[in-house]
Amino acid sequence: MYWYGHGPGGWFIALMVVGTAAFLILLLLGVYFLARRTGEGGAPSGGTERRWAGRADSPRRAEEILAERYAHGDIDDEEYRRRSETLRSLDRPTHQG
């Protein structure tokens, strides 16, 4: 193919630079948001209960999650009982006198 002149002009090169910069910015933003969504260190050290700490229904929801994990065989009987008792103690109101 023969070009008239000496190849692509200045506008074409400028568009390539802008397009490449936009692509790299979008790529970096995607990596950033993906890393932020998955968390810095993976799962929290306290298990799935800690994710629901700020919610009003957190003990009930945590018990549902715990029951699902037990039903799937992810945890054994002893761990289920121990965590279930911990969740029930969180659900009880504390009396300060």
C-alpha atoms as a PDB file:
ATOM      1  CA  MET A   1       0.000   0.000   0.000  1.00  0.00           C
ATOM      2  CA  TYR A   2       1.341   3.403  -0.895  1.00  0.00           C
ATOM      3  CA  TRP A   3       0.949   6.414   1.354  1.00  0.00           C
ATOM      4  CA  TYR A   4       0.796   9.986   0.236  1.00  0.00           C
ATOM      5  CA  GLY A   5       3.364  11.814   2.265  1.00  0.00           C
ATOM      6  CA  HIS A   6       5.343  10.249   5.080  1.00  0.00           C
ATOM      7  CA  GLY A   7       2.789   8.102   6.880  1.00  0.00           C
ATOM      8  CA  PRO A   8       0.008   8.925   9.335  1.00  0.00           C
ATOM      9  CA  GLY A   9      -0.402  12.524  10.362  1.00  0.00           C
ATOM     10  CA  GLY A  10      -0.167  14.198  13.762  1.00  0.00           C
ATOM     11  CA  TRP A  11      -3.855  13.770  14.609  1.00  0.00           C
ATOM     12  CA  PHE A  12      -3.669  10.032  14.097  1.00  0.00           C
ATOM     13  CA  ILE A  13      -0.658   9.732  16.407  1.00  0.00           C
ATOM     14  CA  ALA A  14      -2.373  11.951  19.009  1.00  0.00           C
ATOM     15  CA  LEU A  15      -5.479   9.737  18.894  1.00  0.00           C
ATOM     16  CA  MET A  16      -3.334   6.640  19.358  1.00  0.00           C
ATOM     17  CA  VAL A  17      -1.665   8.157  22.430  1.00  0.00           C
ATOM     18  CA  VAL A  18      -4.991   9.254  23.947  1.00  0.00           C
ATOM     19  CA  GLY A  19      -6.594   5.898  23.199  1.00  0.00           C
ATOM     20  CA  THR A  20      -3.715   3.970  24.728  1.00  0.00           C
ATOM     21  CA  ALA A  21      -3.739   6.176  27.837  1.00  0.00           C
ATOM     22  CA  ALA A  22      -7.508   5.731  28.233  1.00  0.00           C
ATOM     23  CA  PHE A  23      -7.167   1.969  27.848  1.00  0.00           C
ATOM     24  CA  LEU A  24      -4.420   1.787  30.483  1.00  0.00           C
ATOM     25  CA  ILE A  25      -6.390   3.956  32.909  1.00  0.00           C
ATOM     26  CA  LEU A  26      -9.482   1.768  32.500  1.00  0.00           C
ATOM     27  CA  LEU A  27      -7.373  -1.355  32.954  1.00  0.00           C
ATOM     28  CA  LEU A  28      -5.786  -0.025  36.152  1.00  0.00           C
ATOM     29  CA  LEU A  29      -9.165   1.081  37.524  1.00  0.00           C
ATOM     30  CA  GLY A  30     -10.557  -2.374  36.823  1.00  0.00           C
ATOM     31  CA  VAL A  31      -7.692  -4.029  38.680  1.00  0.00           C
ATOM     32  CA  TYR A  32      -8.088  -1.575  41.578  1.00  0.00           C
ATOM     33  CA  PHE A  33     -11.829  -2.171  41.984  1.00  0.00           C
ATOM     34  CA  LEU A  34     -11.415  -5.927  41.626  1.00  0.00           C
ATOM     35  CA  ALA A  35      -8.741  -5.954  44.331  1.00  0.00           C
ATOM     36  CA  ARG A  36     -10.859  -3.735  46.555  1.00  0.00           C
ATOM     37  CA  ARG A  37     -13.912  -5.950  46.126  1.00  0.00           C
ATOM     38  CA  THR A  38     -12.093  -9.154  46.977  1.00  0.00           C
ATOM     39  CA  GLY A  39     -10.417  -7.589  50.012  1.00  0.00           C
ATOM     40  CA  GLU A  40      -6.826  -6.972  50.892  1.00  0.00           C
ATOM     41  CA  GLY A  41      -6.069 -10.150  52.782  1.00  0.00           C
ATOM     42  CA  GLY A  42      -8.845 -12.454  51.704  1.00  0.00           C
ATOM     43  CA  ALA A  43     -11.420 -13.572  54.254  1.00  0.00           C
ATOM     44  CA  PRO A  44     -11.424 -11.870  57.637  1.00  0.00           C
ATOM     45  CA  SER A  45      -9.764 -13.808  60.442  1.00  0.00           C
ATOM     46  CA  GLY A  46     -13.030 -14.142  62.386  1.00  0.00           C
ATOM     47  CA  GLY A  47     -14.847 -16.008  59.627  1.00  0.00           C
ATOM     48  CA  THR A  48     -18.109 -15.137  57.913  1.00  0.00           C
ATOM     49  CA  GLU A  49     -19.735 -13.741  61.077  1.00  0.00           C
ATOM     50  CA  ARG A  50     -17.579 -10.608  61.007  1.00  0.00           C
ATOM     51  CA  ARG A  51     -18.958  -9.470  57.649  1.00  0.00           C
ATOM     52  CA  TRP A  52     -22.370  -8.868  59.225  1.00  0.00           C
ATOM     53  CA  ALA A  53     -21.160  -7.094  62.364  1.00  0.00           C
ATOM     54  CA  GLY A  54     -22.815  -3.769  61.531  1.00  0.00           C
ATOM     55  CA  ARG A  55     -26.259  -5.092  60.654  1.00  0.00           C
ATOM     56  CA  ALA A  56     -29.223  -5.246  63.003  1.00  0.00           C
ATOM     57  CA  ASP A  57     -30.091  -8.784  61.899  1.00  0.00           C
ATOM     58  CA  SER A  58     -26.475  -9.983  61.965  1.00  0.00           C
ATOM     59  CA  PRO A  59     -26.854 -12.853  64.491  1.00  0.00           C
ATOM     60  CA  ARG A  60     -29.838 -14.346  62.619  1.00  0.00           C
ATOM     61  CA  ARG A  61     -28.168 -14.006  59.237  1.00  0.00           C
ATOM     62  CA  ALA A  62     -24.926 -15.373  60.637  1.00  0.00           C
ATOM     63  CA  GLU A  63     -26.810 -18.369  62.037  1.00  0.00           C
ATOM     64  CA  GLU A  64     -28.313 -18.988  58.597  1.00  0.00           C
ATOM     65  CA  ILE A  65     -24.873 -18.875  57.001  1.00  0.00           C
ATOM     66  CA  LEU A  66     -23.494 -21.143  59.704  1.00  0.00           C
ATOM     67  CA  ALA A  67     -26.323 -23.626  59.144  1.00  0.00           C
ATOM     68  CA  GLU A  68     -25.656 -23.581  55.396  1.00  0.00           C
ATOM     69  CA  ARG A  69     -21.952 -24.233  55.943  1.00  0.00           C
ATOM     70  CA  TYR A  70     -22.799 -27.113  58.284  1.00  0.00           C
ATOM     71  CA  ALA A  71     -25.274 -28.549  55.779  1.00  0.00           C
ATOM     72  CA  HIS A  72     -22.663 -28.383  53.006  1.00  0.00           C
ATOM     73  CA  GLY A  73     -20.144 -30.155  55.220  1.00  0.00           C
ATOM     74  CA  ASP A  74     -17.740 -27.217  55.403  1.00  0.00           C
ATOM     75  CA  ILE A  75     -17.610 -27.403  59.215  1.00  0.00           C
ATOM     76  CA  ASP A  76     -17.953 -30.285  61.680  1.00  0.00           C
ATOM     77  CA  ASP A  77     -20.363 -30.770  64.617  1.00  0.00           C
ATOM     78  CA  GLU A  78     -18.070 -29.332  67.257  1.00  0.00           C
ATOM     79  CA  GLU A  79     -17.296 -26.177  65.316  1.00  0.00           C
ATOM     80  CA  TYR A  80     -20.986 -25.707  64.491  1.00  0.00           C
ATOM     81  CA  ARG A  81     -21.984 -25.969  68.154  1.00  0.00           C
ATOM     82  CA  ARG A  82     -19.196 -23.636  69.291  1.00  0.00           C
ATOM     83  CA  ARG A  83     -19.972 -20.955  66.712  1.00  0.00           C
ATOM     84  CA  SER A  84     -23.699 -21.300  67.203  1.00  0.00           C
ATOM     85  CA  GLU A  85     -23.315 -20.706  70.937  1.00  0.00           C
ATOM     86  CA  THR A  86     -21.156 -17.646  70.241  1.00  0.00           C
ATOM     87  CA  LEU A  87     -23.803 -16.246  67.922  1.00  0.00           C
ATOM     88  CA  ARG A  88     -26.552 -16.854  70.471  1.00  0.00           C
ATOM     89  CA  SER A  89     -24.542 -15.022  73.109  1.00  0.00           C
ATOM     90  CA  LEU A  90     -24.292 -12.056  70.722  1.00  0.00           C
ATOM     91  CA  ASP A  91     -28.051 -12.080  70.258  1.00  0.00           C
ATOM     92  CA  ARG A  92     -28.776 -11.789  73.994  1.00  0.00           C
ATOM     93  CA  PRO A  93     -29.052  -8.244  75.300  1.00  0.00           C
ATOM     94  CA  THR A  94     -26.514  -7.303  77.935  1.00  0.00           C
ATOM     95  CA  HIS A  95     -27.804  -5.788  81.163  1.00  0.00           C
ATOM     96  CA  GLN A  96     -25.681  -3.133  82.728  1.00  0.00           C
ATOM     97  CA  GLY A  97     -26.613  -2.250  86.234  1.00  0.00           C
END
